[in-house]
Amino acid sequence: MNLLLRNVRLGGGDPTDVLVRDGRIAGFGPADADGPVEDGGGALLLPGLVDAHCHLDKTLWGLPWVPNTSGSTLADRISNEQRRRKEFGLPSPEPAAALLDAMIANGTSFVRAHTDVDPELGLSGIEAVREAAARHRGRVTVEQVAFPQGGLLTRPGTLELLERAVASGVENVGGIDPAGYDRDPRGHLDAIFDIAARHGCGVDLHLHDEGPLGAWEIELVIERTKALGLAGKVAIGHAFGICGIPDAQQDRLLEGLAEQRITLTTAAVYDRPVPPLAKMRAAGANAACGNDGIRDLWGPYGDGDMLTRTMHLAYRSSFRTDPEIELALHAATYGGAKALRLKDYGLKIGDHADFFLVAARYPAEAVVSHPPRRLVVKGGAIVSRR
């Protein structure tokens, strides 16, 4: 796809032109058009947003409002969803596809969806998300995590389903609170890392456990990543255990995460701990960001807009200066790209032309105000405009 964008800003600089050829960025500055021409009107150009942690299979997007009935604990929310999902026909490709459409319009180019796999659902959620993604082929790239939401070792048959999901082409295998929920941290982690090692897929697990327990589980993940040669292919969602521990222990864990290129993914949800982004950057450890649940049976909040989510992350991190706020934006762009192992991502010559225009001059301004996206481009083609 060829495209010439005129009068756009990169990183708060002066307006320039961006030339796209064959779906990649071909140059900056004055150029002759050999395809469509778009006037950016001085808007800011940002790389396509990466939602590195969401749940497309759970969303009620586009359906009538559903009063929330979930309880206050993790177990309450899981049982509430399992009890009511059939009431709304979940999992279904329709709400998932509707949500993807909203995400695309807001500049998201890549999505990692954690999809429930359990004996009751089988792989129906995997197939629903695949169909939803197929409806937007060429507009957004979606990969999945086979996720044992209701437990792994505690629900017989789930491990075999995870194996089937990965064998069918699912890109990542997931887990959930190996100690706090599944009650067998070593067995749980050994099982999912064994699948990853044999199939060559990634690992992306939910880790809500806090304090010393969560920190110990992060240590176990680092050990297995190193032992099995899975550096760069592992992510830990939420990772509350990285917070609220002694500085020396946190420093040691961040060093291990950086060495094994393990990503910590946060959604900055409610009042739960947020990984220390500045300290992670200084240690060379990668942070990514995602929307987590969006308008589902777990909670009524969320709109799929990763700039809004980035604002929440910056706010929860007490970021005020532009460089600090840009740390949060990095998590929603380059950090997410690293977690998803994307190649040629960004705004350099030769990178894939996945980007969007937003009515702002500076990146931090775009995060704080998160105005409507003027133009969204995927693979050099315009996929949304306002």
Protein backbone atom coordinates (compact mmCIF):
# COMPACT_ATOMS: atom_id res chain seq x y z
CA MET A 1 0.00 0.00 0.00
CA ASN A 2 1.29 3.49 -0.92
CA LEU A 3 0.33 6.68 0.90
CA LEU A 4 1.70 10.19 1.41
CA LEU A 5 0.90 11.96 4.67
CA ARG A 6 1.55 15.67 4.56
CA ASN A 7 1.93 18.07 7.47
CA VAL A 8 2.26 15.70 10.43
CA ARG A 9 4.39 15.90 13.58
CA LEU A 10 6.66 13.27 15.08
CA GLY A 11 7.50 13.56 18.77
CA GLY A 12 6.42 17.19 19.02
CA GLY A 13 8.72 18.38 16.23
CA ASP A 14 7.96 20.58 13.24
CA PRO A 15 5.48 19.33 10.63
CA THR A 16 6.86 17.03 7.97
CA ASP A 17 5.66 14.55 5.34
CA VAL A 18 5.69 10.76 5.61
CA LEU A 19 5.90 8.57 2.54
CA VAL A 20 4.59 4.99 2.65
CA ARG A 21 5.40 2.45 -0.04
CA ASP A 22 4.38 -1.20 -0.09
CA GLY A 23 3.03 -0.95 3.43
CA ARG A 24 6.24 0.35 4.98
CA ILE A 25 7.59 3.77 5.89
CA ALA A 26 9.75 4.82 2.96
CA GLY A 27 10.85 8.33 3.91
CA PHE A 28 10.30 11.62 5.71
CA GLY A 29 10.23 15.10 4.22
CA PRO A 30 9.04 16.43 0.84
CA ALA A 31 8.22 13.65 -1.61
CA ASP A 32 6.29 13.03 -4.80
CA ALA A 33 3.05 11.16 -4.32
CA ASP A 34 2.59 7.81 -6.06
CA GLY A 35 -0.62 7.02 -4.23
CA PRO A 36 -3.29 8.67 -2.08
CA VAL A 37 -2.37 11.92 -0.31
CA GLU A 38 -3.70 12.88 3.12
CA ASP A 39 -3.26 16.23 4.86
CA GLY A 40 -2.53 15.62 8.53
CA GLY A 41 -3.28 19.20 9.52
CA GLY A 42 -0.33 19.31 11.91
CA ALA A 43 -1.58 16.32 13.93
CA LEU A 44 0.76 14.10 15.92
CA LEU A 45 1.85 10.78 14.40
CA LEU A 46 2.18 7.89 16.86
CA PRO A 47 2.93 4.20 16.26
CA GLY A 48 -0.01 1.81 16.38
CA LEU A 49 -1.08 1.04 19.94
CA VAL A 50 -0.51 -2.43 21.35
CA ASP A 51 -3.07 -3.90 23.75
CA ALA A 52 -0.89 -6.60 25.30
CA HIS A 53 -3.50 -7.94 27.74
CA CYS A 54 -7.27 -8.03 27.17
CA HIS A 55 -10.18 -10.48 27.19
CA LEU A 56 -12.13 -10.30 23.93
CA ASP A 57 -14.05 -13.49 24.68
CA LYS A 58 -15.63 -12.01 27.81
CA THR A 59 -16.79 -8.63 26.53
CA LEU A 60 -20.43 -7.50 26.46
CA TRP A 61 -19.55 -4.67 24.06
CA GLY A 62 -22.53 -3.60 21.97
CA LEU A 63 -25.05 -5.45 24.16
CA PRO A 64 -27.56 -3.72 26.45
CA TRP A 65 -26.21 -2.60 29.81
CA VAL A 66 -25.74 -5.46 32.28
CA PRO A 67 -25.79 -4.55 36.00
CA ASN A 68 -22.69 -6.03 37.59
CA THR A 69 -23.25 -8.91 40.02
CA SER A 70 -19.66 -10.01 40.69
CA GLY A 71 -18.34 -10.31 44.22
CA SER A 72 -15.26 -8.77 45.79
CA THR A 73 -12.80 -11.67 45.51
CA LEU A 74 -11.10 -13.25 42.52
CA ALA A 75 -12.95 -16.52 43.12
CA ASP A 76 -16.28 -14.63 43.30
CA ARG A 77 -15.67 -12.95 39.94
CA ILE A 78 -14.61 -16.17 38.26
CA SER A 79 -17.66 -18.10 39.52
CA ASN A 80 -20.02 -15.23 38.64
CA GLU A 81 -18.75 -15.20 35.07
CA GLN A 82 -18.90 -18.98 34.70
CA ARG A 83 -22.44 -18.96 36.05
CA ARG A 84 -23.76 -16.16 33.78
CA ARG A 85 -21.81 -16.37 30.51
CA LYS A 86 -24.36 -18.65 28.84
CA GLU A 87 -27.07 -16.11 29.68
CA PHE A 88 -25.41 -13.72 27.22
CA GLY A 89 -24.30 -16.27 24.67
CA LEU A 90 -20.62 -15.97 25.56
CA PRO A 91 -18.16 -16.59 24.10
CA SER A 92 -19.44 -15.09 20.84
CA PRO A 93 -17.69 -13.49 17.87
CA GLU A 94 -20.22 -10.65 17.65
CA PRO A 95 -19.34 -8.60 20.76
CA ALA A 96 -15.66 -9.43 20.30
CA ALA A 97 -15.73 -8.15 16.72
CA ALA A 98 -17.65 -5.04 17.79
CA LEU A 99 -15.05 -4.30 20.43
CA LEU A 100 -12.22 -4.82 17.94
CA ASP A 101 -13.87 -2.28 15.66
CA ALA A 102 -13.84 0.31 18.47
CA MET A 103 -10.24 -0.53 19.30
CA ILE A 104 -9.17 -0.07 15.67
CA ALA A 105 -10.91 3.32 15.49
CA ASN A 106 -8.87 4.35 18.53
CA GLY A 107 -5.54 3.47 16.96
CA THR A 108 -4.88 -0.05 18.24
CA SER A 109 -2.93 -2.10 15.68
CA PHE A 110 -2.06 -5.19 17.75
CA VAL A 111 -3.98 -7.16 20.38
CA ARG A 112 -3.05 -10.06 22.63
CA ALA A 113 -6.28 -11.65 23.86
CA HIS A 114 -6.39 -14.00 26.84
CA THR A 115 -9.11 -16.50 25.98
CA ASP A 116 -10.72 -18.84 28.50
CA VAL A 117 -10.16 -22.56 28.01
CA ASP A 118 -11.89 -25.00 30.36
CA PRO A 119 -13.76 -28.34 30.21
CA GLU A 120 -17.14 -26.61 29.90
CA LEU A 121 -16.11 -24.30 27.03
CA GLY A 122 -13.57 -26.49 25.31
CA LEU A 123 -11.98 -24.36 22.58
CA SER A 124 -15.16 -22.46 21.69
CA GLY A 125 -13.73 -19.20 22.98
CA ILE A 126 -10.60 -19.64 20.88
CA GLU A 127 -12.74 -20.14 17.78
CA ALA A 128 -14.99 -17.16 18.61
CA VAL A 129 -12.01 -14.82 18.91
CA ARG A 130 -10.50 -16.24 15.71
CA GLU A 131 -13.71 -15.47 13.84
CA ALA A 132 -13.90 -11.96 15.32
CA ALA A 133 -10.31 -11.30 14.26
CA ALA A 134 -10.98 -12.69 10.78
CA ARG A 135 -13.76 -10.13 10.31
CA HIS A 136 -11.12 -7.41 10.75
CA ARG A 137 -8.33 -9.04 8.79
CA GLY A 138 -5.96 -6.36 7.53
CA ARG A 139 -7.24 -3.82 10.09
CA VAL A 140 -5.73 -5.27 13.27
CA THR A 141 -3.46 -8.16 14.23
CA VAL A 142 -4.81 -10.42 16.98
CA GLU A 143 -2.98 -13.19 18.80
CA GLN A 144 -4.30 -15.32 21.65
CA VAL A 145 -3.30 -16.82 24.97
CA ALA A 146 -4.98 -20.09 25.94
CA PHE A 147 -5.98 -19.09 29.45
CA PRO A 148 -7.13 -21.45 32.27
CA GLN A 149 -9.24 -18.81 34.06
CA GLY A 150 -10.91 -21.30 36.39
CA GLY A 151 -7.69 -23.04 37.39
CA LEU A 152 -5.34 -25.49 35.73
CA LEU A 153 -4.40 -28.44 37.92
CA THR A 154 -7.54 -28.01 40.01
CA ARG A 155 -9.78 -28.58 36.94
CA PRO A 156 -9.06 -31.97 35.36
CA GLY A 157 -8.97 -31.86 31.58
CA THR A 158 -7.87 -28.22 31.35
CA LEU A 159 -4.20 -29.00 30.79
CA GLU A 160 -5.06 -31.23 27.84
CA LEU A 161 -7.20 -28.44 26.37
CA LEU A 162 -4.33 -25.98 26.64
CA GLU A 163 -2.18 -28.46 24.73
CA ARG A 164 -4.85 -28.78 22.03
CA ALA A 165 -5.21 -25.01 21.77
CA VAL A 166 -1.49 -24.47 21.25
CA ALA A 167 -1.33 -27.38 18.77
CA SER A 168 -4.12 -25.67 16.81
CA GLY A 169 -2.03 -22.53 16.38
CA VAL A 170 -2.70 -20.44 19.51
CA GLU A 171 0.44 -18.37 20.02
CA ASN A 172 0.75 -18.48 23.81
CA VAL A 173 -0.09 -20.66 26.80
CA GLY A 174 -1.34 -19.01 29.98
CA GLY A 175 -1.69 -19.64 33.68
CA ILE A 176 -3.29 -18.10 36.75
CA ASP A 177 -1.93 -17.57 40.27
CA PRO A 178 -0.02 -20.87 40.55
CA ALA A 179 0.06 -20.57 44.35
CA GLY A 180 -2.83 -18.36 45.43
CA TYR A 181 -5.47 -19.89 43.16
CA ASP A 182 -4.20 -23.22 41.83
CA ARG A 183 -2.41 -24.10 45.11
CA ASP A 184 0.55 -25.80 43.40
CA PRO A 185 3.04 -23.22 42.14
CA ARG A 186 5.78 -25.57 40.98
CA GLY A 187 3.41 -28.06 39.37
CA HIS A 188 1.39 -25.34 37.67
CA LEU A 189 4.41 -23.54 36.22
CA ASP A 190 6.14 -26.78 35.22
CA ALA A 191 3.04 -27.80 33.27
CA ILE A 192 2.66 -24.61 31.23
CA PHE A 193 6.39 -24.17 30.64
CA ASP A 194 6.57 -27.77 29.42
CA ILE A 195 3.91 -26.99 26.79
CA ALA A 196 5.79 -23.87 25.72
CA ALA A 197 9.12 -25.68 25.47
CA ARG A 198 7.66 -28.52 23.37
CA HIS A 199 5.52 -26.36 21.06
CA GLY A 200 7.74 -23.29 20.79
CA CYS A 201 4.94 -20.95 21.89
CA GLY A 202 5.07 -18.06 24.32
CA VAL A 203 4.02 -17.99 27.97
CA ASP A 204 1.77 -15.26 29.37
CA LEU A 205 0.32 -15.85 32.82
CA HIS A 206 -1.87 -13.90 35.21
CA LEU A 207 -0.19 -13.30 38.55
CA HIS A 208 -2.40 -11.51 41.09
CA ASP A 209 -0.61 -12.84 44.19
CA GLU A 210 0.96 -9.97 46.12
CA GLY A 211 3.86 -9.50 48.51
CA PRO A 212 6.44 -12.21 49.23
CA LEU A 213 4.27 -14.95 47.67
CA GLY A 214 3.93 -13.12 44.36
CA ALA A 215 7.61 -12.16 44.38
CA TRP A 216 8.60 -15.80 44.89
CA GLU A 217 6.41 -16.85 41.97
CA ILE A 218 8.09 -14.25 39.75
CA GLU A 219 11.41 -15.82 40.80
CA LEU A 220 10.10 -19.24 39.78
CA VAL A 221 9.10 -17.87 36.37
CA ILE A 222 12.56 -16.38 35.85
CA GLU A 223 14.18 -19.72 36.77
CA ARG A 224 12.09 -21.69 34.28
CA THR A 225 12.49 -19.15 31.52
CA LYS A 226 16.26 -19.43 31.84
CA ALA A 227 16.35 -23.20 32.20
CA LEU A 228 14.24 -23.80 29.09
CA GLY A 229 15.79 -21.12 26.89
CA LEU A 230 12.56 -19.12 26.59
CA ALA A 231 14.09 -15.66 27.00
CA GLY A 232 12.00 -13.02 25.25
CA LYS A 233 8.95 -15.30 25.04
CA VAL A 234 7.47 -14.88 28.54
CA ALA A 235 5.14 -12.27 30.01
CA ILE A 236 3.59 -11.87 33.46
CA GLY A 237 0.27 -10.05 33.60
CA HIS A 238 -0.54 -7.79 36.58
CA ALA A 239 2.57 -8.93 38.50
CA PHE A 240 1.41 -7.31 41.74
CA GLY A 241 4.17 -9.19 43.56
CA ILE A 242 6.85 -6.90 42.13
CA CYS A 243 5.53 -4.18 44.44
CA GLY A 244 5.53 -3.91 48.23
CA ILE A 245 8.74 -5.91 48.72
CA PRO A 246 12.17 -4.79 50.00
CA ASP A 247 14.16 -2.72 47.51
CA ALA A 248 17.01 -5.21 47.35
CA GLN A 249 14.62 -8.05 46.47
CA GLN A 250 12.85 -5.91 43.87
CA ASP A 251 16.18 -4.93 42.32
CA ARG A 252 17.20 -8.58 42.08
CA LEU A 253 13.93 -9.56 40.42
CA LEU A 254 14.13 -6.68 37.93
CA GLU A 255 17.65 -7.76 37.03
CA GLY A 256 16.41 -11.29 36.37
CA LEU A 257 13.46 -10.06 34.33
CA ALA A 258 15.75 -7.88 32.22
CA GLU A 259 18.25 -10.69 31.68
CA GLN A 260 15.55 -13.10 30.47
CA ARG A 261 13.62 -10.38 28.61
CA ILE A 262 10.44 -11.17 30.55
CA THR A 263 7.70 -8.56 30.19
CA LEU A 264 5.53 -7.32 33.04
CA THR A 265 2.13 -6.27 31.67
CA THR A 266 -0.11 -3.94 33.64
CA ALA A 267 -3.58 -2.51 33.18
CA ALA A 268 -3.34 -0.18 36.20
CA VAL A 269 -6.68 -1.56 37.38
CA TYR A 270 -8.63 -0.08 40.27
CA ASP A 271 -6.36 0.34 43.31
CA ARG A 272 -4.09 -2.65 42.63
CA PRO A 273 -0.31 -2.20 42.57
CA VAL A 274 1.33 -0.85 39.42
CA PRO A 275 4.84 -2.00 38.42
CA PRO A 276 7.51 0.69 38.88
CA LEU A 277 7.91 1.80 35.26
CA ALA A 278 10.78 4.22 35.82
CA LYS A 279 12.75 1.71 37.84
CA MET A 280 12.04 -0.99 35.27
CA ARG A 281 13.32 1.21 32.45
CA ALA A 282 16.50 1.95 34.40
CA ALA A 283 17.02 -1.78 34.96
CA GLY A 284 16.39 -2.64 31.31
CA ALA A 285 13.22 -4.61 32.13
CA ASN A 286 10.28 -4.41 29.72
CA ALA A 287 6.82 -3.11 30.66
CA ALA A 288 3.69 -3.44 28.51
CA CYS A 289 0.10 -2.31 28.98
CA GLY A 290 -3.36 -3.61 28.20
CA ASN A 291 -7.02 -2.88 28.86
CA ASP A 292 -7.68 -6.18 30.70
CA GLY A 293 -11.47 -6.68 30.98
CA ILE A 294 -13.64 -4.34 28.92
CA ARG A 295 -17.35 -4.02 29.74
CA ASP A 296 -17.82 -7.61 30.91
CA LEU A 297 -19.19 -9.67 33.77
CA TRP A 298 -16.14 -8.83 35.87
CA GLY A 299 -16.70 -5.08 35.74
CA PRO A 300 -18.64 -2.42 33.82
CA TYR A 301 -15.67 -0.21 32.92
CA GLY A 302 -13.51 0.16 29.82
CA ASP A 303 -13.84 1.41 26.26
CA GLY A 304 -10.98 -0.33 24.46
CA ASP A 305 -9.06 2.93 23.98
CA MET A 306 -5.41 2.29 24.78
CA LEU A 307 -4.65 6.02 25.06
CA THR A 308 -7.24 6.24 27.84
CA ARG A 309 -5.69 3.19 29.48
CA THR A 310 -2.25 4.80 29.13
CA MET A 311 -3.56 7.90 30.89
CA HIS A 312 -4.75 5.69 33.77
CA LEU A 313 -1.31 4.08 33.94
CA ALA A 314 0.45 7.45 34.00
CA TYR A 315 -1.97 8.81 36.63
CA ARG A 316 -1.68 5.74 38.86
CA SER A 317 2.11 6.05 38.57
CA SER A 318 1.95 9.69 39.75
CA PHE A 319 3.60 10.82 36.51
CA ARG A 320 3.43 14.56 35.83
CA THR A 321 6.32 15.51 33.56
CA ASP A 322 6.29 14.78 29.83
CA PRO A 323 9.19 12.29 30.02
CA GLU A 324 7.41 10.39 32.79
CA ILE A 325 4.10 10.29 30.92
CA GLU A 326 5.96 9.05 27.86
CA LEU A 327 7.13 6.05 29.92
CA ALA A 328 3.48 4.99 30.13
CA LEU A 329 3.03 5.56 26.39
CA HIS A 330 6.13 3.46 25.73
CA ALA A 331 4.46 0.57 27.57
CA ALA A 332 1.40 0.88 25.29
CA THR A 333 3.53 0.98 22.13
CA TYR A 334 7.14 -0.22 22.02
CA GLY A 335 6.89 -2.20 25.25
CA GLY A 336 3.84 -4.04 23.96
CA ALA A 337 5.56 -4.62 20.62
CA LYS A 338 8.47 -6.22 22.43
CA ALA A 339 6.12 -8.43 24.45
CA LEU A 340 4.40 -9.61 21.25
CA ARG A 341 7.78 -10.09 19.56
CA LEU A 342 6.85 -7.78 16.69
CA LYS A 343 9.41 -7.07 14.01
CA ASP A 344 9.91 -3.75 12.22
CA TYR A 345 7.54 -1.93 14.55
CA GLY A 346 7.81 1.83 15.02
CA LEU A 347 8.31 5.06 13.12
CA LYS A 348 11.63 4.48 11.38
CA ILE A 349 12.27 4.07 7.67
CA GLY A 350 11.59 0.43 6.85
CA ASP A 351 9.11 -0.13 9.67
CA HIS A 352 5.61 -1.37 8.92
CA ALA A 353 3.23 1.54 8.34
CA ASP A 354 1.04 0.91 11.40
CA PHE A 355 0.30 4.27 12.99
CA PHE A 356 -2.35 6.87 13.74
CA LEU A 357 -2.86 10.61 13.81
CA VAL A 358 -4.20 12.40 16.87
CA ALA A 359 -5.02 16.07 17.42
CA ALA A 360 -2.13 16.90 19.74
CA ARG A 361 1.35 18.37 19.39
CA TYR A 362 3.18 16.37 22.04
CA PRO A 363 2.98 12.67 23.00
CA ALA A 364 2.24 13.47 26.64
CA GLU A 365 -0.57 15.77 25.53
CA ALA A 366 -2.08 12.92 23.50
CA VAL A 367 -2.02 10.67 26.57
CA VAL A 368 -3.55 13.19 28.94
CA SER A 369 -6.27 14.47 26.58
CA HIS A 370 -6.69 11.27 24.49
CA PRO A 371 -8.70 13.07 21.80
CA PRO A 372 -10.38 11.24 18.88
CA ARG A 373 -8.02 9.65 16.37
CA ARG A 374 -8.06 11.55 13.07
CA LEU A 375 -6.66 8.77 10.91
CA VAL A 376 -5.63 5.17 11.57
CA VAL A 377 -3.32 3.32 9.18
CA LYS A 378 -2.54 -0.40 9.18
CA GLY A 379 -0.07 -1.90 6.74
CA GLY A 380 -0.09 1.36 4.78
CA ALA A 381 -3.88 1.31 4.31
CA ILE A 382 -6.32 3.69 5.98
CA VAL A 383 -8.55 1.58 8.23
CA SER A 384 -10.39 4.33 10.13
CA ARG A 385 -10.86 8.07 9.97
CA ARG A 386 -12.76 10.78 11.78
